[in-house]
Amino acid sequence: MDVIWVVLIAIAALIAGVALGFFLARKYMMNYMKKNPPINEQMLRTLMMQMGQKPSQKKINQMMRAMNNQTDKK
């Protein structure tokens, strides 16, 4: 009878640990991505030039704002 309780407690602790680890890792990655966005203005400017567009600062600011709004919604 005591063995069953030990096994049940071990399984509950494992499930709780996995859930807690998932949420902590998710929060860490969201903060990391907010502090270190995957694309910056210089990268966006280079990308637009490669596509044959002449990037104005207004257009770059508009695209960066749109990308930041997308990440804030998630």
N, C-alpha and C. Protein backbone atom coordinates (compact mmCIF):
# COMPACT_ATOMS: atom_id res chain seq x y z
N MET A 1 0.82 -1.19 0.00
CA MET A 1 0.00 0.00 0.00
C MET A 1 0.87 1.26 0.00
N ASP A 2 1.97 1.23 0.73
CA ASP A 2 2.86 2.38 0.79
C ASP A 2 3.56 2.62 -0.54
N VAL A 3 3.82 1.57 -1.27
CA VAL A 3 4.50 1.69 -2.56
C VAL A 3 3.62 2.45 -3.56
N ILE A 4 2.32 2.22 -3.51
CA ILE A 4 1.40 2.91 -4.43
C ILE A 4 1.44 4.40 -4.19
N TRP A 5 1.44 4.82 -2.91
CA TRP A 5 1.49 6.26 -2.60
C TRP A 5 2.80 6.88 -3.08
N VAL A 6 3.88 6.19 -2.91
CA VAL A 6 5.18 6.70 -3.35
C VAL A 6 5.19 6.88 -4.86
N VAL A 7 4.65 5.92 -5.58
CA VAL A 7 4.60 6.00 -7.05
C VAL A 7 3.69 7.15 -7.48
N LEU A 8 2.52 7.29 -6.85
CA LEU A 8 1.59 8.37 -7.19
C LEU A 8 2.20 9.74 -6.92
N ILE A 9 2.88 9.89 -5.80
CA ILE A 9 3.53 11.16 -5.47
C ILE A 9 4.65 11.46 -6.47
N ALA A 10 5.40 10.44 -6.85
CA ALA A 10 6.48 10.64 -7.82
C ALA A 10 5.92 11.06 -9.16
N ILE A 11 4.84 10.45 -9.60
CA ILE A 11 4.22 10.82 -10.88
C ILE A 11 3.67 12.24 -10.81
N ALA A 12 3.02 12.60 -9.72
CA ALA A 12 2.48 13.96 -9.55
C ALA A 12 3.61 14.99 -9.55
N ALA A 13 4.71 14.68 -8.87
CA ALA A 13 5.85 15.60 -8.83
C ALA A 13 6.47 15.75 -10.22
N LEU A 14 6.53 14.67 -10.97
CA LEU A 14 7.08 14.72 -12.33
C LEU A 14 6.21 15.59 -13.22
N ILE A 15 4.90 15.41 -13.15
CA ILE A 15 3.98 16.21 -13.97
C ILE A 15 4.07 17.69 -13.59
N ALA A 16 4.11 17.98 -12.29
CA ALA A 16 4.21 19.37 -11.83
C ALA A 16 5.54 19.98 -12.28
N GLY A 17 6.61 19.23 -12.21
CA GLY A 17 7.92 19.73 -12.65
C GLY A 17 7.97 20.03 -14.13
N VAL A 18 7.38 19.16 -14.93
CA VAL A 18 7.34 19.38 -16.38
C VAL A 18 6.52 20.63 -16.70
N ALA A 19 5.37 20.78 -16.06
CA ALA A 19 4.51 21.95 -16.31
C ALA A 19 5.22 23.23 -15.89
N LEU A 20 5.81 23.24 -14.71
CA LEU A 20 6.52 24.42 -14.23
C LEU A 20 7.71 24.75 -15.13
N GLY A 21 8.45 23.76 -15.54
CA GLY A 21 9.59 23.97 -16.43
C GLY A 21 9.16 24.55 -17.77
N PHE A 22 8.05 24.06 -18.30
CA PHE A 22 7.54 24.58 -19.57
C PHE A 22 7.21 26.06 -19.47
N PHE A 23 6.45 26.44 -18.44
CA PHE A 23 6.05 27.83 -18.31
C PHE A 23 7.22 28.75 -18.01
N LEU A 24 8.18 28.30 -17.23
CA LEU A 24 9.38 29.12 -16.97
C LEU A 24 10.21 29.30 -18.24
N ALA A 25 10.37 28.24 -19.01
CA ALA A 25 11.13 28.34 -20.26
C ALA A 25 10.41 29.24 -21.26
N ARG A 26 9.09 29.15 -21.31
CA ARG A 26 8.31 30.01 -22.22
C ARG A 26 8.47 31.48 -21.85
N LYS A 27 8.38 31.79 -20.56
CA LYS A 27 8.52 33.18 -20.11
C LYS A 27 9.93 33.69 -20.42
N TYR A 28 10.94 32.86 -20.17
CA TYR A 28 12.32 33.25 -20.45
C TYR A 28 12.50 33.56 -21.94
N MET A 29 11.98 32.71 -22.81
CA MET A 29 12.15 32.92 -24.25
C MET A 29 11.38 34.15 -24.72
N MET A 30 10.21 34.41 -24.17
CA MET A 30 9.45 35.59 -24.57
C MET A 30 10.21 36.86 -24.18
N ASN A 31 10.79 36.88 -22.98
CA ASN A 31 11.58 38.03 -22.56
C ASN A 31 12.83 38.18 -23.42
N TYR A 32 13.47 37.07 -23.75
CA TYR A 32 14.68 37.11 -24.58
C TYR A 32 14.36 37.66 -25.96
N MET A 33 13.27 37.20 -26.55
CA MET A 33 12.92 37.67 -27.89
C MET A 33 12.51 39.14 -27.88
N LYS A 34 11.92 39.60 -26.79
CA LYS A 34 11.55 41.01 -26.69
C LYS A 34 12.80 41.89 -26.59
N LYS A 35 13.80 41.42 -25.82
CA LYS A 35 15.04 42.19 -25.66
C LYS A 35 15.94 42.08 -26.88
N ASN A 36 15.91 40.94 -27.57
CA ASN A 36 16.76 40.69 -28.73
C ASN A 36 15.90 40.29 -29.92
N PRO A 37 15.27 41.28 -30.56
CA PRO A 37 14.40 40.92 -31.68
C PRO A 37 15.18 40.25 -32.80
N PRO A 38 14.53 39.35 -33.52
CA PRO A 38 15.24 38.60 -34.55
C PRO A 38 15.62 39.46 -35.76
N ILE A 39 15.02 40.63 -35.91
CA ILE A 39 15.35 41.49 -37.04
C ILE A 39 15.40 42.93 -36.55
N ASN A 40 16.36 43.69 -37.06
CA ASN A 40 16.47 45.09 -36.67
C ASN A 40 16.36 45.98 -37.91
N GLU A 41 16.49 47.28 -37.73
CA GLU A 41 16.30 48.22 -38.84
C GLU A 41 17.33 48.00 -39.95
N GLN A 42 18.57 47.75 -39.57
CA GLN A 42 19.61 47.55 -40.59
C GLN A 42 19.32 46.30 -41.43
N MET A 43 18.89 45.24 -40.78
CA MET A 43 18.56 44.02 -41.52
C MET A 43 17.37 44.25 -42.44
N LEU A 44 16.39 44.99 -41.96
CA LEU A 44 15.20 45.30 -42.76
C LEU A 44 15.57 46.16 -43.97
N ARG A 45 16.45 47.13 -43.76
CA ARG A 45 16.91 48.00 -44.85
C ARG A 45 17.63 47.17 -45.92
N THR A 46 18.50 46.26 -45.49
CA THR A 46 19.23 45.40 -46.43
C THR A 46 18.27 44.50 -47.20
N LEU A 47 17.30 43.95 -46.50
CA LEU A 47 16.31 43.08 -47.14
C LEU A 47 15.52 43.84 -48.21
N MET A 48 15.10 45.05 -47.89
CA MET A 48 14.34 45.84 -48.86
C MET A 48 15.20 46.20 -50.08
N MET A 49 16.46 46.51 -49.85
CA MET A 49 17.36 46.83 -50.97
C MET A 49 17.57 45.61 -51.86
N GLN A 50 17.65 44.43 -51.26
CA GLN A 50 17.82 43.21 -52.04
C GLN A 50 16.58 42.91 -52.87
N MET A 51 15.41 43.35 -52.38
CA MET A 51 14.18 43.13 -53.11
C MET A 51 13.96 44.21 -54.18
N GLY A 52 14.87 45.14 -54.28
CA GLY A 52 14.77 46.17 -55.31
C GLY A 52 14.01 47.40 -54.89
N GLN A 53 13.72 47.55 -53.62
CA GLN A 53 13.03 48.73 -53.13
C GLN A 53 14.03 49.70 -52.52
N LYS A 54 13.74 50.98 -52.66
CA LYS A 54 14.58 51.98 -52.01
C LYS A 54 13.94 52.31 -50.66
N PRO A 55 14.55 51.87 -49.57
CA PRO A 55 13.90 52.01 -48.27
C PRO A 55 14.01 53.44 -47.73
N SER A 56 12.87 54.04 -47.43
CA SER A 56 12.87 55.32 -46.74
C SER A 56 12.77 55.04 -45.25
N GLN A 57 13.20 55.99 -44.44
CA GLN A 57 13.15 55.80 -42.99
C GLN A 57 11.71 55.66 -42.52
N LYS A 58 10.80 56.37 -43.16
CA LYS A 58 9.39 56.28 -42.80
C LYS A 58 8.86 54.86 -43.03
N LYS A 59 9.22 54.27 -44.17
CA LYS A 59 8.77 52.92 -44.50
C LYS A 59 9.37 51.90 -43.52
N ILE A 60 10.64 52.07 -43.18
CA ILE A 60 11.30 51.15 -42.25
C ILE A 60 10.65 51.26 -40.87
N ASN A 61 10.40 52.49 -40.41
CA ASN A 61 9.75 52.67 -39.11
C ASN A 61 8.36 52.02 -39.09
N GLN A 62 7.65 52.17 -40.20
CA GLN A 62 6.31 51.59 -40.31
C GLN A 62 6.38 50.06 -40.22
N MET A 63 7.32 49.47 -40.92
CA MET A 63 7.44 48.01 -40.91
C MET A 63 7.90 47.51 -39.53
N MET A 64 8.82 48.22 -38.89
CA MET A 64 9.28 47.82 -37.56
C MET A 64 8.13 47.91 -36.55
N ARG A 65 7.32 48.96 -36.65
CA ARG A 65 6.18 49.13 -35.76
C ARG A 65 5.19 47.98 -35.95
N ALA A 66 4.95 47.62 -37.22
CA ALA A 66 4.02 46.53 -37.51
C ALA A 66 4.55 45.21 -36.94
N MET A 67 5.84 44.97 -37.08
CA MET A 67 6.43 43.73 -36.55
C MET A 67 6.37 43.71 -35.02
N ASN A 68 6.64 44.86 -34.39
CA ASN A 68 6.58 44.92 -32.92
C ASN A 68 5.16 44.73 -32.43
N ASN A 69 4.18 45.25 -33.15
CA ASN A 69 2.78 45.05 -32.77
C ASN A 69 2.41 43.58 -32.86
N GLN A 70 2.92 42.89 -33.87
CA GLN A 70 2.65 41.46 -34.01
C GLN A 70 3.21 40.67 -32.84
N THR A 71 4.43 40.99 -32.41
CA THR A 71 5.04 40.26 -31.29
C THR A 71 4.36 40.60 -29.98
N ASP A 72 3.85 41.84 -29.83
CA ASP A 72 3.17 42.21 -28.59
C ASP A 72 1.83 41.51 -28.46
N LYS A 73 1.17 41.24 -29.58
CA LYS A 73 -0.14 40.57 -29.55
C LYS A 73 0.00 39.13 -29.12
N LYS A 74 1.12 38.50 -29.43
CA LYS A 74 1.32 37.09 -29.09
C LYS A 74 1.75 37.01 -27.69
